[in-house]
């Protein structure tokens, strides 16, 4: 398996083609750098149901208990067309590792989409998910789904990238995991990363691999694969990262100087307070791991979760 297998990602087509309602294409720096490193599945639900680009905008309108997609000016109700397209498109997707969808879009938006009481010029009365975005969340509850605006936040983006590449690595490794030893080797490399996503889920994965119930290997894999996907659909946080970093610190702490130990702990506190980026601690940890020759840590995906080209360079910019 290559160092990083290419994740299969569904993305809004407006990131690669000029298909927006105003005929524009949207440029996103992370998406642009991700293009050669992933297999992209572009989709524009609005054009897929027959609208053009440019086109008359649509909006979400609350009618009783129903949320409808209505085209402004024409008043056409596109709800059923959109739901039918979403159902067929999503059920046909195979081996997908994540989604990047257009923020605040009436079709693709995952959250924060304006909802109105009518097509008249009145303020929005609420916010929610776009029709297609909501269907994607329902159909793939254990895949990373994010908007292009949210992944510009380093904390959110780091978690999303680690998740999609972990799921891609699992997918590409499955044909080679044929016996318990293979699974142990695979799982061992993801132990720390799983801890960063969820200590609870990491523990559950470890119990599945340990197989105290003495289940047949096929049964173990049937439990492990969905549990892995569920774990990596969650979000890392500074708190969970600090938990992992302190765990790692325990490995190399005896082999570095007292001054280095103090400095490392000081930087962990600065990261806790949001003063320094996560990647700085990763790089410092790599130095100590290399110097102290901790093979277990060297092999951990946690320190190399996705291609270097995608690294966030600061807390505020990519």
C-alpha atoms as a PDB file:
ATOM      1  CA  UNK A   1       0.000   0.000   0.000  1.00  0.00           C
ATOM      2  CA  UNK A   2       1.354   3.494  -0.817  1.00  0.00           C
ATOM      3  CA  UNK A   3       2.070   5.828   2.083  1.00  0.00           C
ATOM      4  CA  UNK A   4      -1.303   7.506   1.535  1.00  0.00           C
ATOM      5  CA  UNK A   5      -3.975   5.958  -0.631  1.00  0.00           C
ATOM      6  CA  UNK A   6      -6.249   8.361  -2.494  1.00  0.00           C
ATOM      7  CA  UNK A   7      -9.576   8.979  -0.757  1.00  0.00           C
ATOM      8  CA  UNK A   8     -12.758   8.991  -2.820  1.00  0.00           C
ATOM      9  CA  UNK A   9     -14.544  12.257  -2.074  1.00  0.00           C
ATOM     10  CA  UNK A  10     -17.876  13.598  -3.268  1.00  0.00           C
ATOM     11  CA  UNK A  11     -17.542  17.349  -3.818  1.00  0.00           C
ATOM     12  CA  UNK A  12     -19.841  20.068  -5.042  1.00  0.00           C
ATOM     13  CA  UNK A  13     -19.151  20.501  -8.739  1.00  0.00           C
ATOM     14  CA  UNK A  14     -18.866  24.289  -8.380  1.00  0.00           C
ATOM     15  CA  UNK A  15     -15.356  23.710  -6.958  1.00  0.00           C
ATOM     16  CA  UNK A  16     -14.185  22.321 -10.303  1.00  0.00           C
ATOM     17  CA  UNK A  17     -16.546  23.800 -12.910  1.00  0.00           C
ATOM     18  CA  UNK A  18     -18.434  27.108 -13.365  1.00  0.00           C
ATOM     19  CA  UNK A  19     -21.873  25.743 -12.443  1.00  0.00           C
ATOM     20  CA  UNK A  20     -23.014  28.130  -9.707  1.00  0.00           C
ATOM     21  CA  UNK A  21     -26.380  29.857 -10.037  1.00  0.00           C
ATOM     22  CA  UNK A  22     -24.468  32.941 -11.245  1.00  0.00           C
ATOM     23  CA  UNK A  23     -22.276  30.949 -13.638  1.00  0.00           C
ATOM     24  CA  UNK A  24     -19.206  31.116 -11.397  1.00  0.00           C
ATOM     25  CA  UNK A  25     -16.726  28.536 -10.150  1.00  0.00           C
ATOM     26  CA  UNK A  26     -15.608  28.635  -6.514  1.00  0.00           C
ATOM     27  CA  UNK A  27     -11.928  28.478  -5.636  1.00  0.00           C
ATOM     28  CA  UNK A  28     -10.887  26.954  -2.328  1.00  0.00           C
ATOM     29  CA  UNK A  29      -7.192  26.614  -1.540  1.00  0.00           C
ATOM     30  CA  UNK A  30      -7.479  23.300   0.317  1.00  0.00           C
ATOM     31  CA  UNK A  31      -9.775  21.765  -2.298  1.00  0.00           C
ATOM     32  CA  UNK A  32      -7.356  22.875  -5.013  1.00  0.00           C
ATOM     33  CA  UNK A  33      -4.447  21.144  -3.286  1.00  0.00           C
ATOM     34  CA  UNK A  34      -6.549  18.080  -2.580  1.00  0.00           C
ATOM     35  CA  UNK A  35      -7.495  17.545  -6.244  1.00  0.00           C
ATOM     36  CA  UNK A  36      -4.349  15.619  -7.317  1.00  0.00           C
ATOM     37  CA  UNK A  37      -4.291  13.650  -4.061  1.00  0.00           C
ATOM     38  CA  UNK A  38      -7.873  12.356  -4.136  1.00  0.00           C
ATOM     39  CA  UNK A  39     -10.393  10.798  -6.482  1.00  0.00           C
ATOM     40  CA  UNK A  40     -13.128  13.408  -6.779  1.00  0.00           C
ATOM     41  CA  UNK A  41     -16.777  12.695  -7.540  1.00  0.00           C
ATOM     42  CA  UNK A  42     -18.245  16.098  -8.510  1.00  0.00           C
ATOM     43  CA  UNK A  43     -21.982  16.692  -8.219  1.00  0.00           C
ATOM     44  CA  UNK A  44     -24.249  19.689  -8.775  1.00  0.00           C
ATOM     45  CA  UNK A  45     -27.710  18.581  -7.658  1.00  0.00           C
ATOM     46  CA  UNK A  46     -29.385  21.663  -9.092  1.00  0.00           C
ATOM     47  CA  UNK A  47     -28.009  21.126 -12.571  1.00  0.00           C
ATOM     48  CA  UNK A  48     -28.689  17.401 -12.242  1.00  0.00           C
ATOM     49  CA  UNK A  49     -32.426  18.127 -11.946  1.00  0.00           C
ATOM     50  CA  UNK A  50     -32.399  20.205 -15.112  1.00  0.00           C
ATOM     51  CA  UNK A  51     -31.475  23.733 -14.054  1.00  0.00           C
ATOM     52  CA  UNK A  52     -28.904  25.683 -16.034  1.00  0.00           C
ATOM     53  CA  UNK A  53     -25.927  27.856 -15.133  1.00  0.00           C
ATOM     54  CA  UNK A  54     -26.506  30.752 -14.774  1.00  0.00           C
ATOM     55  CA  UNK A  55     -29.992  30.095 -13.369  1.00  0.00           C
ATOM     56  CA  UNK A  56     -32.738  31.657 -11.325  1.00  0.00           C
ATOM     57  CA  UNK A  57     -31.815  31.013  -7.665  1.00  0.00           C
ATOM     58  CA  UNK A  58     -33.750  28.607  -5.482  1.00  0.00           C
ATOM     59  CA  UNK A  59     -34.534  28.877  -1.791  1.00  0.00           C
ATOM     60  CA  UNK A  60     -35.839  26.647   0.983  1.00  0.00           C
ATOM     61  CA  UNK A  61     -39.376  27.490   2.055  1.00  0.00           C
ATOM     62  CA  UNK A  62     -41.180  26.061   5.079  1.00  0.00           C
ATOM     63  CA  UNK A  63     -44.727  25.044   4.181  1.00  0.00           C
ATOM     64  CA  UNK A  64     -46.433  23.556   7.199  1.00  0.00           C
ATOM     65  CA  UNK A  65     -44.356  20.575   8.287  1.00  0.00           C
ATOM     66  CA  UNK A  66     -42.601  20.318   4.912  1.00  0.00           C
ATOM     67  CA  UNK A  67     -39.377  21.917   3.722  1.00  0.00           C
ATOM     68  CA  UNK A  68     -39.621  22.751   0.030  1.00  0.00           C
ATOM     69  CA  UNK A  69     -37.160  23.913  -2.610  1.00  0.00           C
ATOM     70  CA  UNK A  70     -38.777  26.700  -4.606  1.00  0.00           C
ATOM     71  CA  UNK A  71     -37.324  28.561  -7.568  1.00  0.00           C
ATOM     72  CA  UNK A  72     -37.646  32.314  -7.205  1.00  0.00           C
ATOM     73  CA  UNK A  73     -39.552  34.232  -9.904  1.00  0.00           C
ATOM     74  CA  UNK A  74     -41.030  31.073 -11.465  1.00  0.00           C
ATOM     75  CA  UNK A  75     -42.358  29.676  -8.192  1.00  0.00           C
ATOM     76  CA  UNK A  76     -41.629  26.123  -9.397  1.00  0.00           C
ATOM     77  CA  UNK A  77     -41.506  23.540  -6.618  1.00  0.00           C
ATOM     78  CA  UNK A  78     -38.369  21.424  -7.199  1.00  0.00           C
ATOM     79  CA  UNK A  79     -38.576  19.454  -3.968  1.00  0.00           C
ATOM     80  CA  UNK A  80     -39.541  16.067  -5.360  1.00  0.00           C
ATOM     81  CA  UNK A  81     -37.073  16.315  -8.239  1.00  0.00           C
ATOM     82  CA  UNK A  82     -34.274  17.054  -5.780  1.00  0.00           C
ATOM     83  CA  UNK A  83     -35.269  14.273  -3.408  1.00  0.00           C
ATOM     84  CA  UNK A  84     -35.511  11.759  -6.247  1.00  0.00           C
ATOM     85  CA  UNK A  85     -32.106  12.744  -7.595  1.00  0.00           C
ATOM     86  CA  UNK A  86     -30.501  12.642  -4.143  1.00  0.00           C
ATOM     87  CA  UNK A  87     -31.923   9.220  -3.373  1.00  0.00           C
ATOM     88  CA  UNK A  88     -30.691   7.698  -6.647  1.00  0.00           C
ATOM     89  CA  UNK A  89     -27.290   9.408  -6.606  1.00  0.00           C
ATOM     90  CA  UNK A  90     -26.458   8.537  -3.014  1.00  0.00           C
ATOM     91  CA  UNK A  91     -27.570   4.903  -3.157  1.00  0.00           C
ATOM     92  CA  UNK A  92     -25.345   4.336  -6.196  1.00  0.00           C
ATOM     93  CA  UNK A  93     -22.199   5.645  -4.491  1.00  0.00           C
ATOM     94  CA  UNK A  94     -19.600   2.979  -3.758  1.00  0.00           C
ATOM     95  CA  UNK A  95     -16.475   3.136  -1.596  1.00  0.00           C
ATOM     96  CA  UNK A  96     -16.807   6.822  -0.699  1.00  0.00           C
ATOM     97  CA  UNK A  97     -14.598   8.201   2.083  1.00  0.00           C
ATOM     98  CA  UNK A  98     -16.118  11.652   2.622  1.00  0.00           C
ATOM     99  CA  UNK A  99     -17.905  14.726   1.289  1.00  0.00           C
ATOM    100  CA  UNK A 100     -16.987  18.395   0.775  1.00  0.00           C
ATOM    101  CA  UNK A 101     -20.166  20.298  -0.043  1.00  0.00           C
ATOM    102  CA  UNK A 102     -20.900  23.961  -0.738  1.00  0.00           C
ATOM    103  CA  UNK A 103     -21.728  25.841   2.418  1.00  0.00           C
ATOM    104  CA  UNK A 104     -25.117  27.511   2.844  1.00  0.00           C
ATOM    105  CA  UNK A 105     -26.384  26.105  -0.472  1.00  0.00           C
ATOM    106  CA  UNK A 106     -30.140  25.322  -0.552  1.00  0.00           C
ATOM    107  CA  UNK A 107     -29.224  21.991  -2.114  1.00  0.00           C
ATOM    108  CA  UNK A 108     -25.758  21.059  -0.791  1.00  0.00           C
ATOM    109  CA  UNK A 109     -25.508  22.955   2.491  1.00  0.00           C
ATOM    110  CA  UNK A 110     -24.911  20.791   5.564  1.00  0.00           C
ATOM    111  CA  UNK A 111     -25.933  23.457   8.065  1.00  0.00           C
ATOM    112  CA  UNK A 112     -26.686  27.160   8.311  1.00  0.00           C
ATOM    113  CA  UNK A 113     -28.843  27.236   5.164  1.00  0.00           C
ATOM    114  CA  UNK A 114     -31.446  30.000   5.284  1.00  0.00           C
ATOM    115  CA  UNK A 115     -35.067  28.861   5.477  1.00  0.00           C
ATOM    116  CA  UNK A 116     -37.873  31.228   4.547  1.00  0.00           C
ATOM    117  CA  UNK A 117     -41.619  31.378   5.047  1.00  0.00           C
ATOM    118  CA  UNK A 118     -42.240  32.327   1.393  1.00  0.00           C
ATOM    119  CA  UNK A 119     -40.533  33.449  -1.816  1.00  0.00           C
ATOM    120  CA  UNK A 120     -41.258  37.082  -0.984  1.00  0.00           C
ATOM    121  CA  UNK A 121     -38.530  39.503   0.029  1.00  0.00           C
ATOM    122  CA  UNK A 122     -38.633  38.818   3.739  1.00  0.00           C
ATOM    123  CA  UNK A 123     -35.935  37.847   6.274  1.00  0.00           C
ATOM    124  CA  UNK A 124     -35.175  34.168   6.815  1.00  0.00           C
ATOM    125  CA  UNK A 125     -37.144  32.546   9.628  1.00  0.00           C
ATOM    126  CA  UNK A 126     -34.651  29.781  10.412  1.00  0.00           C
ATOM    127  CA  UNK A 127     -31.638  27.787   9.307  1.00  0.00           C
ATOM    128  CA  UNK A 128     -30.994  24.140   8.531  1.00  0.00           C
ATOM    129  CA  UNK A 129     -29.521  21.769   5.954  1.00  0.00           C
ATOM    130  CA  UNK A 130     -30.004  21.861   2.193  1.00  0.00           C
ATOM    131  CA  UNK A 131     -32.132  19.072   0.753  1.00  0.00           C
ATOM    132  CA  UNK A 132     -29.255  17.110  -0.789  1.00  0.00           C
ATOM    133  CA  UNK A 133     -26.943  17.833   2.142  1.00  0.00           C
ATOM    134  CA  UNK A 134     -29.477  16.486   4.623  1.00  0.00           C
ATOM    135  CA  UNK A 135     -29.918  13.322   2.547  1.00  0.00           C
ATOM    136  CA  UNK A 136     -26.140  12.814   2.404  1.00  0.00           C
ATOM    137  CA  UNK A 137     -25.890  13.068   6.202  1.00  0.00           C
ATOM    138  CA  UNK A 138     -28.707  10.559   6.620  1.00  0.00           C
ATOM    139  CA  UNK A 139     -27.319   8.108   4.064  1.00  0.00           C
ATOM    140  CA  UNK A 140     -23.712   8.261   5.314  1.00  0.00           C
ATOM    141  CA  UNK A 141     -23.838   8.936   9.064  1.00  0.00           C
ATOM    142  CA  UNK A 142     -20.360   7.475   9.599  1.00  0.00           C
ATOM    143  CA  UNK A 143     -18.454   9.367   6.913  1.00  0.00           C
ATOM    144  CA  UNK A 144     -16.737  12.748   7.334  1.00  0.00           C
ATOM    145  CA  UNK A 145     -18.965  15.413   5.756  1.00  0.00           C
ATOM    146  CA  UNK A 146     -17.854  19.039   5.753  1.00  0.00           C
ATOM    147  CA  UNK A 147     -18.353  22.289   3.866  1.00  0.00           C
ATOM    148  CA  UNK A 148     -15.547  24.173   2.149  1.00  0.00           C
ATOM    149  CA  UNK A 149     -15.885  27.040   4.626  1.00  0.00           C
ATOM    150  CA  UNK A 150     -15.529  24.847   7.723  1.00  0.00           C
ATOM    151  CA  UNK A 151     -12.436  22.997   6.502  1.00  0.00           C
ATOM    152  CA  UNK A 152     -10.638  26.340   6.316  1.00  0.00           C
ATOM    153  CA  UNK A 153     -10.592  26.205  10.113  1.00  0.00           C
ATOM    154  CA  UNK A 154      -7.394  24.269  10.968  1.00  0.00           C
ATOM    155  CA  UNK A 155      -8.940  22.324  13.865  1.00  0.00           C
ATOM    156  CA  UNK A 156     -11.883  21.179  11.750  1.00  0.00           C
ATOM    157  CA  UNK A 157      -9.827  20.709   8.596  1.00  0.00           C
ATOM    158  CA  UNK A 158      -7.125  18.643  10.315  1.00  0.00           C
ATOM    159  CA  UNK A 159      -9.769  16.308  11.678  1.00  0.00           C
ATOM    160  CA  UNK A 160     -11.536  16.012   8.321  1.00  0.00           C
ATOM    161  CA  UNK A 161      -8.345  15.232   6.399  1.00  0.00           C
ATOM    162  CA  UNK A 162      -7.160  12.683   8.949  1.00  0.00           C
ATOM    163  CA  UNK A 163     -10.574  11.029   8.798  1.00  0.00           C
ATOM    164  CA  UNK A 164     -10.879  10.719   5.024  1.00  0.00           C
ATOM    165  CA  UNK A 165      -7.335   9.421   4.601  1.00  0.00           C
ATOM    166  CA  UNK A 166      -7.776   6.910   7.440  1.00  0.00           C
ATOM    167  CA  UNK A 167     -10.948   5.576   5.812  1.00  0.00           C
ATOM    168  CA  UNK A 168      -9.176   5.458   2.456  1.00  0.00           C
ATOM    169  CA  UNK A 169      -6.300   3.508   4.003  1.00  0.00           C
ATOM    170  CA  UNK A 170      -8.761   1.046   5.502  1.00  0.00           C
ATOM    171  CA  UNK A 171     -10.551   0.582   2.184  1.00  0.00           C
ATOM    172  CA  UNK A 172      -7.343   0.023   0.214  1.00  0.00           C
ATOM    173  CA  UNK A 173      -5.911  -2.298   2.902  1.00  0.00           C
ATOM    174  CA  UNK A 174      -8.930  -4.592   3.240  1.00  0.00           C
ATOM    175  CA  UNK A 175      -7.943  -6.956   0.383  1.00  0.00           C
ATOM    176  CA  UNK A 176      -4.622  -7.563   2.176  1.00  0.00           C
ATOM    177  CA  UNK A 177      -6.053  -8.158   5.653  1.00  0.00           C
ATOM    178  CA  UNK A 178      -6.533 -11.919   5.461  1.00  0.00           C
ATOM    179  CA  UNK A 179      -5.672 -13.126   8.947  1.00  0.00           C
ATOM    180  CA  UNK A 180      -5.499 -11.842  12.543  1.00  0.00           C
ATOM    181  CA  UNK A 181      -1.846 -10.840  12.305  1.00  0.00           C
ATOM    182  CA  UNK A 182      -2.609  -8.593   9.328  1.00  0.00           C
ATOM    183  CA  UNK A 183      -5.395  -6.890  11.267  1.00  0.00           C
ATOM    184  CA  UNK A 184      -3.159  -6.403  14.303  1.00  0.00           C
ATOM    185  CA  UNK A 185      -0.499  -4.751  12.125  1.00  0.00           C
ATOM    186  CA  UNK A 186      -3.044  -2.454  10.487  1.00  0.00           C
ATOM    187  CA  UNK A 187      -4.768  -1.520  13.730  1.00  0.00           C
ATOM    188  CA  UNK A 188      -1.518  -0.889  15.586  1.00  0.00           C
ATOM    189  CA  UNK A 189      -0.571   1.883  13.154  1.00  0.00           C
ATOM    190  CA  UNK A 190      -3.889   3.656  13.827  1.00  0.00           C
ATOM    191  CA  UNK A 191      -4.014   3.295  17.620  1.00  0.00           C
ATOM    192  CA  UNK A 192      -2.982   6.846  18.474  1.00  0.00           C
ATOM    193  CA  UNK A 193      -5.093   8.384  15.733  1.00  0.00           C
ATOM    194  CA  UNK A 194      -8.128   6.466  16.919  1.00  0.00           C
ATOM    195  CA  UNK A 195      -7.485   7.826  20.425  1.00  0.00           C
ATOM    196  CA  UNK A 196      -7.476  11.358  19.011  1.00  0.00           C
ATOM    197  CA  UNK A 197     -10.886  10.808  17.437  1.00  0.00           C
ATOM    198  CA  UNK A 198     -12.479   9.049  20.406  1.00  0.00           C
ATOM    199  CA  UNK A 199     -10.977   7.249  23.391  1.00  0.00           C
ATOM    200  CA  UNK A 200     -14.192   5.269  23.741  1.00  0.00           C
ATOM    201  CA  UNK A 201     -14.156   4.111  20.117  1.00  0.00           C
ATOM    202  CA  UNK A 202     -10.410   3.406  20.228  1.00  0.00           C
ATOM    203  CA  UNK A 203     -10.978   1.113  23.197  1.00  0.00           C
ATOM    204  CA  UNK A 204     -13.829  -0.647  21.391  1.00  0.00           C
ATOM    205  CA  UNK A 205     -11.630  -1.218  18.327  1.00  0.00           C
ATOM    206  CA  UNK A 206      -8.889  -2.669  20.506  1.00  0.00           C
ATOM    207  CA  UNK A 207     -11.322  -5.151  22.062  1.00  0.00           C
ATOM    208  CA  UNK A 208     -12.523  -6.244  18.630  1.00  0.00           C
ATOM    209  CA  UNK A 209      -8.933  -6.898  17.511  1.00  0.00           C
ATOM    210  CA  UNK A 210      -8.109  -8.738  20.752  1.00  0.00           C
ATOM    211  CA  UNK A 211     -11.063 -11.043  20.006  1.00  0.00           C
ATOM    212  CA  UNK A 212     -11.502 -12.433  23.509  1.00  0.00           C
ATOM    213  CA  UNK A 213     -14.705 -14.094  22.286  1.00  0.00           C
ATOM    214  CA  UNK A 214     -12.634 -16.250  19.907  1.00  0.00           C
ATOM    215  CA  UNK A 215     -14.846 -15.365  16.943  1.00  0.00           C
ATOM    216  CA  UNK A 216     -13.972 -16.528  13.421  1.00  0.00           C
ATOM    217  CA  UNK A 217     -11.789 -13.993  11.619  1.00  0.00           C
ATOM    218  CA  UNK A 218     -14.543 -13.065   9.157  1.00  0.00           C
ATOM    219  CA  UNK A 219     -16.820 -12.204  12.076  1.00  0.00           C
ATOM    220  CA  UNK A 220     -14.079 -10.057  13.614  1.00  0.00           C
ATOM    221  CA  UNK A 221     -13.706  -8.115  10.365  1.00  0.00           C
ATOM    222  CA  UNK A 222     -17.467  -7.669  10.115  1.00  0.00           C
ATOM    223  CA  UNK A 223     -17.325  -5.924  13.494  1.00  0.00           C
ATOM    224  CA  UNK A 224     -14.044  -4.049  12.957  1.00  0.00           C
ATOM    225  CA  UNK A 225     -14.757  -2.306   9.634  1.00  0.00           C
ATOM    226  CA  UNK A 226     -17.963  -0.475  10.654  1.00  0.00           C
ATOM    227  CA  UNK A 227     -16.501   0.315  14.082  1.00  0.00           C
ATOM    228  CA  UNK A 228     -13.405   1.849  12.433  1.00  0.00           C
ATOM    229  CA  UNK A 229     -15.588   3.931  10.119  1.00  0.00           C
ATOM    230  CA  UNK A 230     -17.721   5.119  13.002  1.00  0.00           C
ATOM    231  CA  UNK A 231     -14.645   6.107  15.014  1.00  0.00           C
ATOM    232  CA  UNK A 232     -13.109   8.144  12.208  1.00  0.00           C
ATOM    233  CA  UNK A 233     -16.347   9.911  11.326  1.00  0.00           C
ATOM    234  CA  UNK A 234     -16.064  11.770  14.629  1.00  0.00           C
ATOM    235  CA  UNK A 235     -14.084  14.948  15.319  1.00  0.00           C
ATOM    236  CA  UNK A 236     -10.709  15.366  16.944  1.00  0.00           C
ATOM    237  CA  UNK A 237     -10.437  18.217  19.433  1.00  0.00           C
ATOM    238  CA  UNK A 238      -7.612  19.961  21.231  1.00  0.00           C
ATOM    239  CA  UNK A 239      -8.547  18.016  24.329  1.00  0.00           C
ATOM    240  CA  UNK A 240      -8.277  14.643  22.578  1.00  0.00           C
ATOM    241  CA  UNK A 241      -5.040  15.674  20.849  1.00  0.00           C
ATOM    242  CA  UNK A 242      -3.538  16.712  24.173  1.00  0.00           C
ATOM    243  CA  UNK A 243      -4.520  13.345  25.618  1.00  0.00           C
ATOM    244  CA  UNK A 244      -2.604  11.626  22.798  1.00  0.00           C
ATOM    245  CA  UNK A 245       0.366  13.997  23.004  1.00  0.00           C
ATOM    246  CA  UNK A 246       0.755  13.370  26.725  1.00  0.00           C
ATOM    247  CA  UNK A 247       0.501   9.633  26.081  1.00  0.00           C
ATOM    248  CA  UNK A 248       3.287   9.990  23.507  1.00  0.00           C
ATOM    249  CA  UNK A 249       5.303  12.143  25.897  1.00  0.00           C
ATOM    250  CA  UNK A 250       5.373   9.227  28.318  1.00  0.00           C
ATOM    251  CA  UNK A 251       7.267   7.147  25.737  1.00  0.00           C
ATOM    252  CA  UNK A 252      10.154   9.507  25.060  1.00  0.00           C
ATOM    253  CA  UNK A 253      10.170  11.571  28.275  1.00  0.00           C
ATOM    254  CA  UNK A 254      12.757   9.348  30.064  1.00  0.00           C
ATOM    255  CA  UNK A 255      15.195   9.755  27.166  1.00  0.00           C
ATOM    256  CA  UNK A 256      15.222  13.554  26.812  1.00  0.00           C
ATOM    257  CA  UNK A 257      16.637  16.225  29.110  1.00  0.00           C
ATOM    258  CA  UNK A 258      14.751  17.899  31.913  1.00  0.00           C
ATOM    259  CA  UNK A 259      14.831  21.200  30.044  1.00  0.00           C
ATOM    260  CA  UNK A 260      13.371  19.528  26.954  1.00  0.00           C
ATOM    261  CA  UNK A 261      10.599  17.977  29.026  1.00  0.00           C
ATOM    262  CA  UNK A 262       9.687  21.364  30.482  1.00  0.00           C
ATOM    263  CA  UNK A 263       9.718  22.943  27.032  1.00  0.00           C
ATOM    264  CA  UNK A 264       7.486  20.251  25.558  1.00  0.00           C
ATOM    265  CA  UNK A 265       4.931  20.575  28.366  1.00  0.00           C
ATOM    266  CA  UNK A 266       5.023  24.364  28.006  1.00  0.00           C
ATOM    267  CA  UNK A 267       4.208  24.038  24.296  1.00  0.00           C
ATOM    268  CA  UNK A 268       1.380  21.621  25.048  1.00  0.00           C
ATOM    269  CA  UNK A 269      -0.145  24.300  27.302  1.00  0.00           C
ATOM    270  CA  UNK A 270       0.280  26.919  24.589  1.00  0.00           C
ATOM    271  CA  UNK A 271      -1.517  24.618  22.176  1.00  0.00           C
ATOM    272  CA  UNK A 272      -4.264  24.078  24.773  1.00  0.00           C
ATOM    273  CA  UNK A 273      -4.729  27.859  24.886  1.00  0.00           C
ATOM    274  CA  UNK A 274      -4.797  28.187  21.105  1.00  0.00           C
ATOM    275  CA  UNK A 275      -1.483  30.067  20.907  1.00  0.00           C
ATOM    276  CA  UNK A 276       0.340  27.648  18.593  1.00  0.00           C
ATOM    277  CA  UNK A 277      -0.806  25.270  15.825  1.00  0.00           C
ATOM    278  CA  UNK A 278      -1.147  21.536  16.262  1.00  0.00           C
ATOM    279  CA  UNK A 279       1.436  20.860  13.561  1.00  0.00           C
ATOM    280  CA  UNK A 280       4.178  22.488  15.628  1.00  0.00           C
ATOM    281  CA  UNK A 281       3.718  19.880  18.360  1.00  0.00           C
ATOM    282  CA  UNK A 282       3.606  17.116  15.755  1.00  0.00           C
ATOM    283  CA  UNK A 283       6.962  18.229  14.335  1.00  0.00           C
ATOM    284  CA  UNK A 284       8.564  18.508  17.774  1.00  0.00           C
ATOM    285  CA  UNK A 285       7.249  15.074  18.698  1.00  0.00           C
ATOM    286  CA  UNK A 286       8.712  13.677  15.479  1.00  0.00           C
ATOM    287  CA  UNK A 287      12.134  15.027  16.438  1.00  0.00           C
ATOM    288  CA  UNK A 288      12.063  13.353  19.851  1.00  0.00           C
ATOM    289  CA  UNK A 289      10.659  10.121  18.424  1.00  0.00           C
ATOM    290  CA  UNK A 290      13.441   9.988  15.849  1.00  0.00           C
ATOM    291  CA  UNK A 291      16.132  10.799  18.384  1.00  0.00           C
ATOM    292  CA  UNK A 292      14.940   8.223  20.920  1.00  0.00           C
ATOM    293  CA  UNK A 293      14.242   5.626  18.194  1.00  0.00           C
ATOM    294  CA  UNK A 294      10.767   4.643  19.380  1.00  0.00           C
ATOM    295  CA  UNK A 295       9.676   2.287  16.604  1.00  0.00           C
ATOM    296  CA  UNK A 296       6.101   1.977  17.852  1.00  0.00           C
ATOM    297  CA  UNK A 297       5.719   5.744  17.600  1.00  0.00           C
ATOM    298  CA  UNK A 298       7.551   5.982  14.280  1.00  0.00           C
ATOM    299  CA  UNK A 299       4.988   3.687  12.693  1.00  0.00           C
ATOM    300  CA  UNK A 300       1.973   5.620  13.984  1.00  0.00           C
ATOM    301  CA  UNK A 301      -0.268   7.222  11.358  1.00  0.00           C
ATOM    302  CA  UNK A 302      -0.993   9.931  13.910  1.00  0.00           C
ATOM    303  CA  UNK A 303       2.250  11.671  12.967  1.00  0.00           C
ATOM    304  CA  UNK A 304       1.678  11.324   9.236  1.00  0.00           C
ATOM    305  CA  UNK A 305      -2.109  11.191   8.737  1.00  0.00           C
ATOM    306  CA  UNK A 306      -2.248  12.703   5.254  1.00  0.00           C
ATOM    307  CA  UNK A 307       0.113  14.067   2.557  1.00  0.00           C
ATOM    308  CA  UNK A 308       2.443  16.865   3.575  1.00  0.00           C
ATOM    309  CA  UNK A 309       1.081  19.037   0.761  1.00  0.00           C
ATOM    310  CA  UNK A 310      -2.129  19.432   2.741  1.00  0.00           C
ATOM    311  CA  UNK A 311      -0.547  20.600   5.991  1.00  0.00           C
ATOM    312  CA  UNK A 312      -2.093  23.663   7.621  1.00  0.00           C
ATOM    313  CA  UNK A 313       0.587  26.299   7.924  1.00  0.00           C
ATOM    314  CA  UNK A 314      -0.853  28.387  10.750  1.00  0.00           C
ATOM    315  CA  UNK A 315      -3.857  28.803  12.975  1.00  0.00           C
ATOM    316  CA  UNK A 316      -5.511  31.263  10.605  1.00  0.00           C
ATOM    317  CA  UNK A 317      -4.390  30.340   7.097  1.00  0.00           C
ATOM    318  CA  UNK A 318      -3.787  27.312   4.913  1.00  0.00           C
END
